[in-house]
């Protein structure tokens, strides 16, 4: 999970839904069923344990938006719709993280 996932989940879901793109599978890419899949595979592996890892990092608002448009869910969107959503996301994200006021 990215640190921004929790802080921005509601805003991102709202903006994409407003533009007709449901984001209901939030976090599915993290494979939440992995422990169950390992157990069901009956491969003789030890029990899966989960550990949290915290890494200090800095991600810009621009990098978050670029990430959201680099995944398969957004790959087929038209250029005009991408531009519209980017503008809405930018406006909302700089409201949440006011230290970044410009794109560059």
PDB file of N, CA and C in Angstrom:
ATOM      1  N   UNK A   1       0.844  -1.170   0.000  1.00  0.00           N
ATOM      2  CA  UNK A   1       0.000   0.000   0.000  1.00  0.00           C
ATOM      3  C   UNK A   1       0.892   1.236   0.000  1.00  0.00           C
ATOM      4  N   UNK A   2       0.443   2.222  -0.739  1.00  0.00           N
ATOM      5  CA  UNK A   2       1.150   3.499  -0.730  1.00  0.00           C
ATOM      6  C   UNK A   2       0.593   4.354   0.395  1.00  0.00           C
ATOM      7  N   UNK A   3       1.419   5.172   0.982  1.00  0.00           N
ATOM      8  CA  UNK A   3       0.979   6.009   2.099  1.00  0.00           C
ATOM      9  C   UNK A   3      -0.184   6.906   1.701  1.00  0.00           C
ATOM     10  N   UNK A   4      -0.207   7.350   0.448  1.00  0.00           N
ATOM     11  CA  UNK A   4      -1.272   8.256   0.024  1.00  0.00           C
ATOM     12  C   UNK A   4      -2.602   7.542  -0.175  1.00  0.00           C
ATOM     13  N   UNK A   5      -2.597   6.216  -0.285  1.00  0.00           N
ATOM     14  CA  UNK A   5      -3.840   5.466  -0.507  1.00  0.00           C
ATOM     15  C   UNK A   5      -4.898   5.807   0.533  1.00  0.00           C
ATOM     16  N   UNK A   6      -4.511   5.786   1.789  1.00  0.00           N
ATOM     17  CA  UNK A   6      -5.480   5.990   2.858  1.00  0.00           C
ATOM     18  C   UNK A   6      -5.954   7.434   2.929  1.00  0.00           C
ATOM     19  N   UNK A   7      -5.050   8.369   2.713  1.00  0.00           N
ATOM     20  CA  UNK A   7      -5.401   9.783   2.811  1.00  0.00           C
ATOM     21  C   UNK A   7      -6.240  10.256   1.632  1.00  0.00           C
ATOM     22  N   UNK A   8      -6.048   9.658   0.471  1.00  0.00           N
ATOM     23  CA  UNK A   8      -6.686  10.167  -0.737  1.00  0.00           C
ATOM     24  C   UNK A   8      -7.776   9.264  -1.294  1.00  0.00           C
ATOM     25  N   UNK A   9      -7.996   8.133  -0.674  1.00  0.00           N
ATOM     26  CA  UNK A   9      -8.953   7.152  -1.204  1.00  0.00           C
ATOM     27  C   UNK A   9     -10.309   7.782  -1.529  1.00  0.00           C
ATOM     28  N   UNK A  10     -10.886   8.465  -0.581  1.00  0.00           N
ATOM     29  CA  UNK A  10     -12.224   9.036  -0.768  1.00  0.00           C
ATOM     30  C   UNK A  10     -12.235  10.048  -1.919  1.00  0.00           C
ATOM     31  N   UNK A  11     -11.252  10.925  -1.962  1.00  0.00           N
ATOM     32  CA  UNK A  11     -11.191  11.950  -3.011  1.00  0.00           C
ATOM     33  C   UNK A  11     -11.024  11.314  -4.386  1.00  0.00           C
ATOM     34  N   UNK A  12     -10.138  10.339  -4.491  1.00  0.00           N
ATOM     35  CA  UNK A  12      -9.893   9.680  -5.782  1.00  0.00           C
ATOM     36  C   UNK A  12     -11.135   8.936  -6.244  1.00  0.00           C
ATOM     37  N   UNK A  13     -11.746   8.157  -5.341  1.00  0.00           N
ATOM     38  CA  UNK A  13     -12.972   7.428  -5.702  1.00  0.00           C
ATOM     39  C   UNK A  13     -14.068   8.390  -6.160  1.00  0.00           C
ATOM     40  N   UNK A  14     -14.243   9.488  -5.440  1.00  0.00           N
ATOM     41  CA  UNK A  14     -15.286  10.466  -5.752  1.00  0.00           C
ATOM     42  C   UNK A  14     -15.067  11.101  -7.130  1.00  0.00           C
ATOM     43  N   UNK A  15     -13.848  11.502  -7.416  1.00  0.00           N
ATOM     44  CA  UNK A  15     -13.564  12.163  -8.687  1.00  0.00           C
ATOM     45  C   UNK A  15     -13.732  11.203  -9.858  1.00  0.00           C
ATOM     46  N   UNK A  16     -13.216   9.995  -9.730  1.00  0.00           N
ATOM     47  CA  UNK A  16     -13.380   9.035 -10.827  1.00  0.00           C
ATOM     48  C   UNK A  16     -14.854   8.645 -10.997  1.00  0.00           C
ATOM     49  N   UNK A  17     -15.584   8.434  -9.902  1.00  0.00           N
ATOM     50  CA  UNK A  17     -17.011   8.097  -9.994  1.00  0.00           C
ATOM     51  C   UNK A  17     -17.784   9.229 -10.655  1.00  0.00           C
ATOM     52  N   UNK A  18     -17.447  10.470 -10.326  1.00  0.00           N
ATOM     53  CA  UNK A  18     -18.088  11.638 -10.931  1.00  0.00           C
ATOM     54  C   UNK A  18     -17.913  11.629 -12.452  1.00  0.00           C
ATOM     55  N   UNK A  19     -16.847  10.994 -12.916  1.00  0.00           N
ATOM     56  CA  UNK A  19     -16.564  10.910 -14.345  1.00  0.00           C
ATOM     57  C   UNK A  19     -16.921   9.545 -14.939  1.00  0.00           C
ATOM     58  N   UNK A  20     -17.748   8.788 -14.216  1.00  0.00           N
ATOM     59  CA  UNK A  20     -18.266   7.515 -14.726  1.00  0.00           C
ATOM     60  C   UNK A  20     -17.301   6.344 -14.650  1.00  0.00           C
ATOM     61  N   UNK A  21     -16.287   6.446 -13.792  1.00  0.00           N
ATOM     62  CA  UNK A  21     -15.297   5.377 -13.682  1.00  0.00           C
ATOM     63  C   UNK A  21     -15.291   4.871 -12.244  1.00  0.00           C
ATOM     64  N   UNK A  22     -15.930   3.720 -11.991  1.00  0.00           N
ATOM     65  CA  UNK A  22     -15.944   3.198 -10.619  1.00  0.00           C
ATOM     66  C   UNK A  22     -14.559   2.707 -10.210  1.00  0.00           C
ATOM     67  N   UNK A  23     -14.208   2.937  -8.989  1.00  0.00           N
ATOM     68  CA  UNK A  23     -12.912   2.516  -8.465  1.00  0.00           C
ATOM     69  C   UNK A  23     -13.161   1.578  -7.293  1.00  0.00           C
ATOM     70  N   UNK A  24     -14.128   0.649  -7.460  1.00  0.00           N
ATOM     71  CA  UNK A  24     -14.572  -0.159  -6.331  1.00  0.00           C
ATOM     72  C   UNK A  24     -13.607  -1.250  -5.901  1.00  0.00           C
ATOM     73  N   UNK A  25     -12.632  -1.570  -6.709  1.00  0.00           N
ATOM     74  CA  UNK A  25     -11.702  -2.632  -6.327  1.00  0.00           C
ATOM     75  C   UNK A  25     -10.440  -2.077  -5.671  1.00  0.00           C
ATOM     76  N   UNK A  26     -10.611  -1.033  -4.906  1.00  0.00           N
ATOM     77  CA  UNK A  26      -9.497  -0.351  -4.267  1.00  0.00           C
ATOM     78  C   UNK A  26      -8.696  -1.337  -3.421  1.00  0.00           C
ATOM     79  N   UNK A  27      -7.411  -1.427  -3.688  1.00  0.00           N
ATOM     80  CA  UNK A  27      -6.538  -2.289  -2.904  1.00  0.00           C
ATOM     81  C   UNK A  27      -6.528  -3.741  -3.321  1.00  0.00           C
ATOM     82  N   UNK A  28      -7.337  -4.131  -4.312  1.00  0.00           N
ATOM     83  CA  UNK A  28      -7.366  -5.532  -4.734  1.00  0.00           C
ATOM     84  C   UNK A  28      -6.010  -5.967  -5.267  1.00  0.00           C
ATOM     85  N   UNK A  29      -5.243  -5.021  -5.810  1.00  0.00           N
ATOM     86  CA  UNK A  29      -3.926  -5.346  -6.339  1.00  0.00           C
ATOM     87  C   UNK A  29      -2.955  -5.783  -5.252  1.00  0.00           C
ATOM     88  N   UNK A  30      -3.310  -5.566  -3.995  1.00  0.00           N
ATOM     89  CA  UNK A  30      -2.433  -5.974  -2.900  1.00  0.00           C
ATOM     90  C   UNK A  30      -2.582  -7.447  -2.571  1.00  0.00           C
ATOM     91  N   UNK A  31      -3.497  -8.125  -3.252  1.00  0.00           N
ATOM     92  CA  UNK A  31      -3.747  -9.554  -3.076  1.00  0.00           C
ATOM     93  C   UNK A  31      -4.097  -9.894  -1.625  1.00  0.00           C
ATOM     94  N   UNK A  32      -5.220  -9.358  -1.135  1.00  0.00           N
ATOM     95  CA  UNK A  32      -5.589  -9.600   0.260  1.00  0.00           C
ATOM     96  C   UNK A  32      -5.870 -11.074   0.568  1.00  0.00           C
ATOM     97  N   UNK A  33      -6.115 -11.893  -0.461  1.00  0.00           N
ATOM     98  CA  UNK A  33      -6.399 -13.315  -0.255  1.00  0.00           C
ATOM     99  C   UNK A  33      -5.151 -14.189  -0.326  1.00  0.00           C
ATOM    100  N   UNK A  34      -3.972 -13.579  -0.378  1.00  0.00           N
ATOM    101  CA  UNK A  34      -2.740 -14.346  -0.536  1.00  0.00           C
ATOM    102  C   UNK A  34      -2.576 -15.459   0.511  1.00  0.00           C
ATOM    103  N   UNK A  35      -2.754 -15.175   1.810  1.00  0.00           N
ATOM    104  CA  UNK A  35      -2.598 -16.266   2.790  1.00  0.00           C
ATOM    105  C   UNK A  35      -3.537 -17.440   2.522  1.00  0.00           C
ATOM    106  N   UNK A  36      -4.779 -17.145   2.156  1.00  0.00           N
ATOM    107  CA  UNK A  36      -5.741 -18.201   1.857  1.00  0.00           C
ATOM    108  C   UNK A  36      -5.321 -18.992   0.615  1.00  0.00           C
ATOM    109  N   UNK A  37      -4.851 -18.299  -0.407  1.00  0.00           N
ATOM    110  CA  UNK A  37      -4.413 -18.968  -1.628  1.00  0.00           C
ATOM    111  C   UNK A  37      -3.232 -19.898  -1.365  1.00  0.00           C
ATOM    112  N   UNK A  38      -2.311 -19.470  -0.511  1.00  0.00           N
ATOM    113  CA  UNK A  38      -1.157 -20.314  -0.165  1.00  0.00           C
ATOM    114  C   UNK A  38      -1.628 -21.567   0.562  1.00  0.00           C
ATOM    115  N   UNK A  39      -2.528 -21.385   1.513  1.00  0.00           N
ATOM    116  CA  UNK A  39      -3.053 -22.529   2.265  1.00  0.00           C
ATOM    117  C   UNK A  39      -3.791 -23.496   1.346  1.00  0.00           C
ATOM    118  N   UNK A  40      -4.643 -22.962   0.471  1.00  0.00           N
ATOM    119  CA  UNK A  40      -5.421 -23.806  -0.437  1.00  0.00           C
ATOM    120  C   UNK A  40      -4.549 -24.529  -1.457  1.00  0.00           C
ATOM    121  N   UNK A  41      -3.389 -23.973  -1.775  1.00  0.00           N
ATOM    122  CA  UNK A  41      -2.489 -24.610  -2.739  1.00  0.00           C
ATOM    123  C   UNK A  41      -1.888 -25.896  -2.179  1.00  0.00           C
ATOM    124  N   UNK A  42      -1.927 -26.037  -0.856  1.00  0.00           N
ATOM    125  CA  UNK A  42      -1.415 -27.235  -0.195  1.00  0.00           C
ATOM    126  C   UNK A  42      -0.020 -27.599  -0.704  1.00  0.00           C
ATOM    127  N   UNK A  43       0.835 -26.597  -0.778  1.00  0.00           N
ATOM    128  CA  UNK A  43       2.177 -26.778  -1.338  1.00  0.00           C
ATOM    129  C   UNK A  43       3.219 -27.092  -0.270  1.00  0.00           C
ATOM    130  N   UNK A  44       2.779 -27.300   0.962  1.00  0.00           N
ATOM    131  CA  UNK A  44       3.717 -27.622   2.023  1.00  0.00           C
ATOM    132  C   UNK A  44       4.496 -26.427   2.536  1.00  0.00           C
ATOM    133  N   UNK A  45       4.022 -25.246   2.235  1.00  0.00           N
ATOM    134  CA  UNK A  45       4.685 -24.033   2.714  1.00  0.00           C
ATOM    135  C   UNK A  45       4.262 -23.741   4.148  1.00  0.00           C
ATOM    136  N   UNK A  46       5.091 -23.021   4.865  1.00  0.00           N
ATOM    137  CA  UNK A  46       4.715 -22.630   6.214  1.00  0.00           C
ATOM    138  C   UNK A  46       3.612 -21.576   6.135  1.00  0.00           C
ATOM    139  N   UNK A  47       2.984 -21.351   7.245  1.00  0.00           N
ATOM    140  CA  UNK A  47       1.889 -20.375   7.309  1.00  0.00           C
ATOM    141  C   UNK A  47       2.391 -18.979   6.928  1.00  0.00           C
ATOM    142  N   UNK A  48       1.584 -18.281   6.175  1.00  0.00           N
ATOM    143  CA  UNK A  48       1.934 -16.934   5.743  1.00  0.00           C
ATOM    144  C   UNK A  48       1.793 -15.979   6.918  1.00  0.00           C
ATOM    145  N   UNK A  49       2.805 -15.134   7.119  1.00  0.00           N
ATOM    146  CA  UNK A  49       2.723 -14.094   8.134  1.00  0.00           C
ATOM    147  C   UNK A  49       2.828 -12.745   7.448  1.00  0.00           C
ATOM    148  N   UNK A  50       2.161 -11.797   8.002  1.00  0.00           N
ATOM    149  CA  UNK A  50       2.184 -10.450   7.432  1.00  0.00           C
ATOM    150  C   UNK A  50       2.935  -9.522   8.368  1.00  0.00           C
ATOM    151  N   UNK A  51       3.770  -8.690   7.784  1.00  0.00           N
ATOM    152  CA  UNK A  51       4.513  -7.709   8.553  1.00  0.00           C
ATOM    153  C   UNK A  51       4.373  -6.365   7.870  1.00  0.00           C
ATOM    154  N   UNK A  52       4.321  -5.313   8.671  1.00  0.00           N
ATOM    155  CA  UNK A  52       4.277  -3.962   8.120  1.00  0.00           C
ATOM    156  C   UNK A  52       5.698  -3.459   7.941  1.00  0.00           C
ATOM    157  N   UNK A  53       5.888  -2.755   6.852  1.00  0.00           N
ATOM    158  CA  UNK A  53       7.175  -2.134   6.579  1.00  0.00           C
ATOM    159  C   UNK A  53       6.906  -0.654   6.357  1.00  0.00           C
ATOM    160  N   UNK A  54       7.622   0.178   7.065  1.00  0.00           N
ATOM    161  CA  UNK A  54       7.475   1.615   6.907  1.00  0.00           C
ATOM    162  C   UNK A  54       8.762   2.171   6.314  1.00  0.00           C
ATOM    163  N   UNK A  55       8.608   2.913   5.242  1.00  0.00           N
ATOM    164  CA  UNK A  55       9.756   3.503   4.564  1.00  0.00           C
ATOM    165  C   UNK A  55       9.522   5.001   4.463  1.00  0.00           C
ATOM    166  N   UNK A  56      10.495   5.773   4.881  1.00  0.00           N
ATOM    167  CA  UNK A  56      10.375   7.216   4.753  1.00  0.00           C
ATOM    168  C   UNK A  56      10.570   7.586   3.284  1.00  0.00           C
ATOM    169  N   UNK A  57       9.635   8.309   2.769  1.00  0.00           N
ATOM    170  CA  UNK A  57       9.712   8.715   1.366  1.00  0.00           C
ATOM    171  C   UNK A  57       8.920   9.988   1.161  1.00  0.00           C
ATOM    172  N   UNK A  58       9.078  10.571   0.003  1.00  0.00           N
ATOM    173  CA  UNK A  58       8.315  11.765  -0.347  1.00  0.00           C
ATOM    174  C   UNK A  58       7.782  11.550  -1.751  1.00  0.00           C
ATOM    175  N   UNK A  59       6.504  11.709  -1.903  1.00  0.00           N
ATOM    176  CA  UNK A  59       5.860  11.561  -3.202  1.00  0.00           C
ATOM    177  C   UNK A  59       5.137  12.858  -3.504  1.00  0.00           C
ATOM    178  N   UNK A  60       5.381  13.402  -4.674  1.00  0.00           N
ATOM    179  CA  UNK A  60       4.727  14.654  -5.039  1.00  0.00           C
ATOM    180  C   UNK A  60       3.309  14.405  -5.537  1.00  0.00           C
ATOM    181  N   UNK A  61       2.518  15.448  -5.506  1.00  0.00           N
ATOM    182  CA  UNK A  61       1.156  15.371  -6.028  1.00  0.00           C
ATOM    183  C   UNK A  61       1.186  14.956  -7.493  1.00  0.00           C
ATOM    184  N   UNK A  62       2.118  15.501  -8.235  1.00  0.00           N
ATOM    185  CA  UNK A  62       2.261  15.153  -9.655  1.00  0.00           C
ATOM    186  C   UNK A  62       2.543  13.662  -9.818  1.00  0.00           C
ATOM    187  N   UNK A  63       3.407  13.096  -8.978  1.00  0.00           N
ATOM    188  CA  UNK A  63       3.730  11.670  -9.070  1.00  0.00           C
ATOM    189  C   UNK A  63       2.505  10.803  -8.754  1.00  0.00           C
ATOM    190  N   UNK A  64       1.690  11.228  -7.808  1.00  0.00           N
ATOM    191  CA  UNK A  64       0.470  10.482  -7.484  1.00  0.00           C
ATOM    192  C   UNK A  64      -0.453  10.460  -8.693  1.00  0.00           C
ATOM    193  N   UNK A  65      -0.661  11.605  -9.303  1.00  0.00           N
ATOM    194  CA  UNK A  65      -1.544  11.680 -10.468  1.00  0.00           C
ATOM    195  C   UNK A  65      -0.974  10.870 -11.625  1.00  0.00           C
ATOM    196  N   UNK A  66       0.322  10.975 -11.857  1.00  0.00           N
ATOM    197  CA  UNK A  66       0.947  10.192 -12.929  1.00  0.00           C
ATOM    198  C   UNK A  66       0.786   8.703 -12.674  1.00  0.00           C
ATOM    199  N   UNK A  67       0.920   8.283 -11.422  1.00  0.00           N
ATOM    200  CA  UNK A  67       0.721   6.880 -11.077  1.00  0.00           C
ATOM    201  C   UNK A  67      -0.709   6.441 -11.404  1.00  0.00           C
ATOM    202  N   UNK A  68      -1.688   7.246 -10.999  1.00  0.00           N
ATOM    203  CA  UNK A  68      -3.091   6.880 -11.240  1.00  0.00           C
ATOM    204  C   UNK A  68      -3.407   6.717 -12.724  1.00  0.00           C
ATOM    205  N   UNK A  69      -2.660   7.404 -13.583  1.00  0.00           N
ATOM    206  CA  UNK A  69      -2.893   7.289 -15.016  1.00  0.00           C
ATOM    207  C   UNK A  69      -1.903   6.345 -15.704  1.00  0.00           C
ATOM    208  N   UNK A  70      -1.145   5.591 -14.906  1.00  0.00           N
ATOM    209  CA  UNK A  70      -0.224   4.613 -15.477  1.00  0.00           C
ATOM    210  C   UNK A  70      -0.738   3.188 -15.325  1.00  0.00           C
ATOM    211  N   UNK A  71      -1.864   3.031 -14.648  1.00  0.00           N
ATOM    212  CA  UNK A  71      -2.393   1.691 -14.394  1.00  0.00           C
ATOM    213  C   UNK A  71      -3.483   1.338 -15.398  1.00  0.00           C
ATOM    214  N   UNK A  72      -3.784   0.056 -15.514  1.00  0.00           N
ATOM    215  CA  UNK A  72      -4.696  -0.426 -16.550  1.00  0.00           C
ATOM    216  C   UNK A  72      -6.096   0.171 -16.466  1.00  0.00           C
ATOM    217  N   UNK A  73      -6.554   0.499 -15.284  1.00  0.00           N
ATOM    218  CA  UNK A  73      -7.910   1.047 -15.120  1.00  0.00           C
ATOM    219  C   UNK A  73      -8.104   2.335 -15.914  1.00  0.00           C
ATOM    220  N   UNK A  74      -7.051   3.104 -16.112  1.00  0.00           N
ATOM    221  CA  UNK A  74      -7.159   4.395 -16.783  1.00  0.00           C
ATOM    222  C   UNK A  74      -6.549   4.404 -18.184  1.00  0.00           C
ATOM    223  N   UNK A  75      -5.941   3.307 -18.595  1.00  0.00           N
ATOM    224  CA  UNK A  75      -5.207   3.265 -19.868  1.00  0.00           C
ATOM    225  C   UNK A  75      -6.069   3.570 -21.083  1.00  0.00           C
ATOM    226  N   UNK A  76      -7.321   3.167 -21.059  1.00  0.00           N
ATOM    227  CA  UNK A  76      -8.176   3.333 -22.243  1.00  0.00           C
ATOM    228  C   UNK A  76      -8.992   4.625 -22.250  1.00  0.00           C
ATOM    229  N   UNK A  77      -8.787   5.493 -21.293  1.00  0.00           N
ATOM    230  CA  UNK A  77      -9.544   6.745 -21.254  1.00  0.00           C
ATOM    231  C   UNK A  77      -9.095   7.673 -22.374  1.00  0.00           C
ATOM    232  N   UNK A  78     -10.025   8.422 -22.904  1.00  0.00           N
ATOM    233  CA  UNK A  78      -9.688   9.386 -23.948  1.00  0.00           C
ATOM    234  C   UNK A  78      -8.831  10.497 -23.372  1.00  0.00           C
ATOM    235  N   UNK A  79      -8.083  11.156 -24.239  1.00  0.00           N
ATOM    236  CA  UNK A  79      -7.218  12.259 -23.816  1.00  0.00           C
ATOM    237  C   UNK A  79      -7.991  13.366 -23.136  1.00  0.00           C
ATOM    238  N   UNK A  80      -9.154  13.701 -23.685  1.00  0.00           N
ATOM    239  CA  UNK A  80      -9.961  14.785 -23.116  1.00  0.00           C
ATOM    240  C   UNK A  80     -10.456  14.429 -21.716  1.00  0.00           C
ATOM    241  N   UNK A  81     -10.887  13.176 -21.536  1.00  0.00           N
ATOM    242  CA  UNK A  81     -11.374  12.759 -20.219  1.00  0.00           C
ATOM    243  C   UNK A  81     -10.212  12.713 -19.226  1.00  0.00           C
ATOM    244  N   UNK A  82      -9.057  12.234 -19.666  1.00  0.00           N
ATOM    245  CA  UNK A  82      -7.885  12.224 -18.785  1.00  0.00           C
ATOM    246  C   UNK A  82      -7.548  13.638 -18.324  1.00  0.00           C
ATOM    247  N   UNK A  83      -7.546  14.578 -19.245  1.00  0.00           N
ATOM    248  CA  UNK A  83      -7.239  15.965 -18.897  1.00  0.00           C
ATOM    249  C   UNK A  83      -8.231  16.517 -17.880  1.00  0.00           C
ATOM    250  N   UNK A  84      -9.513  16.207 -18.077  1.00  0.00           N
ATOM    251  CA  UNK A  84     -10.556  16.680 -17.167  1.00  0.00           C
ATOM    252  C   UNK A  84     -10.346  16.101 -15.768  1.00  0.00           C
ATOM    253  N   UNK A  85     -10.078  14.803 -15.698  1.00  0.00           N
ATOM    254  CA  UNK A  85      -9.892  14.152 -14.404  1.00  0.00           C
ATOM    255  C   UNK A  85      -8.607  14.640 -13.740  1.00  0.00           C
ATOM    256  N   UNK A  86      -7.543  14.808 -14.519  1.00  0.00           N
ATOM    257  CA  UNK A  86      -6.288  15.318 -13.963  1.00  0.00           C
ATOM    258  C   UNK A  86      -6.521  16.675 -13.312  1.00  0.00           C
ATOM    259  N   UNK A  87      -7.263  17.542 -13.972  1.00  0.00           N
ATOM    260  CA  UNK A  87      -7.550  18.881 -13.422  1.00  0.00           C
ATOM    261  C   UNK A  87      -8.323  18.755 -12.102  1.00  0.00           C
ATOM    262  N   UNK A  88      -9.354  17.902 -12.093  1.00  0.00           N
ATOM    263  CA  UNK A  88     -10.141  17.711 -10.872  1.00  0.00           C
ATOM    264  C   UNK A  88      -9.286  17.125  -9.753  1.00  0.00           C
ATOM    265  N   UNK A  89      -8.457  16.126 -10.095  1.00  0.00           N
ATOM    266  CA  UNK A  89      -7.582  15.526  -9.101  1.00  0.00           C
ATOM    267  C   UNK A  89      -6.596  16.549  -8.552  1.00  0.00           C
ATOM    268  N   UNK A  90      -5.994  17.302  -9.469  1.00  0.00           N
ATOM    269  CA  UNK A  90      -5.013  18.309  -9.040  1.00  0.00           C
ATOM    270  C   UNK A  90      -5.641  19.293  -8.062  1.00  0.00           C
ATOM    271  N   UNK A  91      -6.819  19.809  -8.422  1.00  0.00           N
ATOM    272  CA  UNK A  91      -7.497  20.772  -7.555  1.00  0.00           C
ATOM    273  C   UNK A  91      -7.777  20.180  -6.178  1.00  0.00           C
ATOM    274  N   UNK A  92      -8.211  18.929  -6.149  1.00  0.00           N
ATOM    275  CA  UNK A  92      -8.540  18.288  -4.872  1.00  0.00           C
ATOM    276  C   UNK A  92      -7.283  17.962  -4.077  1.00  0.00           C
ATOM    277  N   UNK A  93      -6.246  17.466  -4.743  1.00  0.00           N
ATOM    278  CA  UNK A  93      -5.042  17.064  -4.032  1.00  0.00           C
ATOM    279  C   UNK A  93      -4.292  18.256  -3.453  1.00  0.00           C
ATOM    280  N   UNK A  94      -4.268  19.374  -4.171  1.00  0.00           N
ATOM    281  CA  UNK A  94      -3.592  20.548  -3.586  1.00  0.00           C
ATOM    282  C   UNK A  94      -4.435  21.168  -2.466  1.00  0.00           C
ATOM    283  N   UNK A  95      -5.708  20.839  -2.448  1.00  0.00           N
ATOM    284  CA  UNK A  95      -6.541  21.243  -1.314  1.00  0.00           C
ATOM    285  C   UNK A  95      -6.162  20.401  -0.088  1.00  0.00           C
ATOM    286  N   UNK A  96      -5.918  19.108  -0.311  1.00  0.00           N
ATOM    287  CA  UNK A  96      -5.547  18.206   0.775  1.00  0.00           C
ATOM    288  C   UNK A  96      -4.089  18.418   1.187  1.00  0.00           C
ATOM    289  N   UNK A  97      -3.217  18.594   0.191  1.00  0.00           N
ATOM    290  CA  UNK A  97      -1.785  18.824   0.425  1.00  0.00           C
ATOM    291  C   UNK A  97      -1.432  20.205  -0.125  1.00  0.00           C
ATOM    292  N   UNK A  98      -1.724  21.279   0.588  1.00  0.00           N
ATOM    293  CA  UNK A  98      -1.590  22.637   0.052  1.00  0.00           C
ATOM    294  C   UNK A  98      -0.161  23.088  -0.249  1.00  0.00           C
ATOM    295  N   UNK A  99       0.847  22.340   0.146  1.00  0.00           N
ATOM    296  CA  UNK A  99       2.215  22.775  -0.122  1.00  0.00           C
ATOM    297  C   UNK A  99       2.565  22.724  -1.603  1.00  0.00           C
ATOM    298  N   UNK A 100       1.805  21.999  -2.409  1.00  0.00           N
ATOM    299  CA  UNK A 100       2.108  21.931  -3.843  1.00  0.00           C
ATOM    300  C   UNK A 100       1.056  22.709  -4.609  1.00  0.00           C
ATOM    301  N   UNK A 101       1.444  23.849  -5.109  1.00  0.00           N
ATOM    302  CA  UNK A 101       0.484  24.749  -5.758  1.00  0.00           C
ATOM    303  C   UNK A 101       0.599  24.726  -7.275  1.00  0.00           C
ATOM    304  N   UNK A 102       1.645  24.109  -7.804  1.00  0.00           N
ATOM    305  CA  UNK A 102       1.797  24.139  -9.255  1.00  0.00           C
ATOM    306  C   UNK A 102       2.218  22.771  -9.760  1.00  0.00           C
ATOM    307  N   UNK A 103       2.001  22.528 -11.036  1.00  0.00           N
ATOM    308  CA  UNK A 103       2.249  21.223 -11.642  1.00  0.00           C
ATOM    309  C   UNK A 103       3.730  20.934 -11.799  1.00  0.00           C
ATOM    310  N   UNK A 104       4.539  21.907 -12.144  1.00  0.00           N
ATOM    311  CA  UNK A 104       5.961  21.662 -12.417  1.00  0.00           C
ATOM    312  C   UNK A 104       6.825  21.743 -11.182  1.00  0.00           C
TER     313      UNK A 104
END
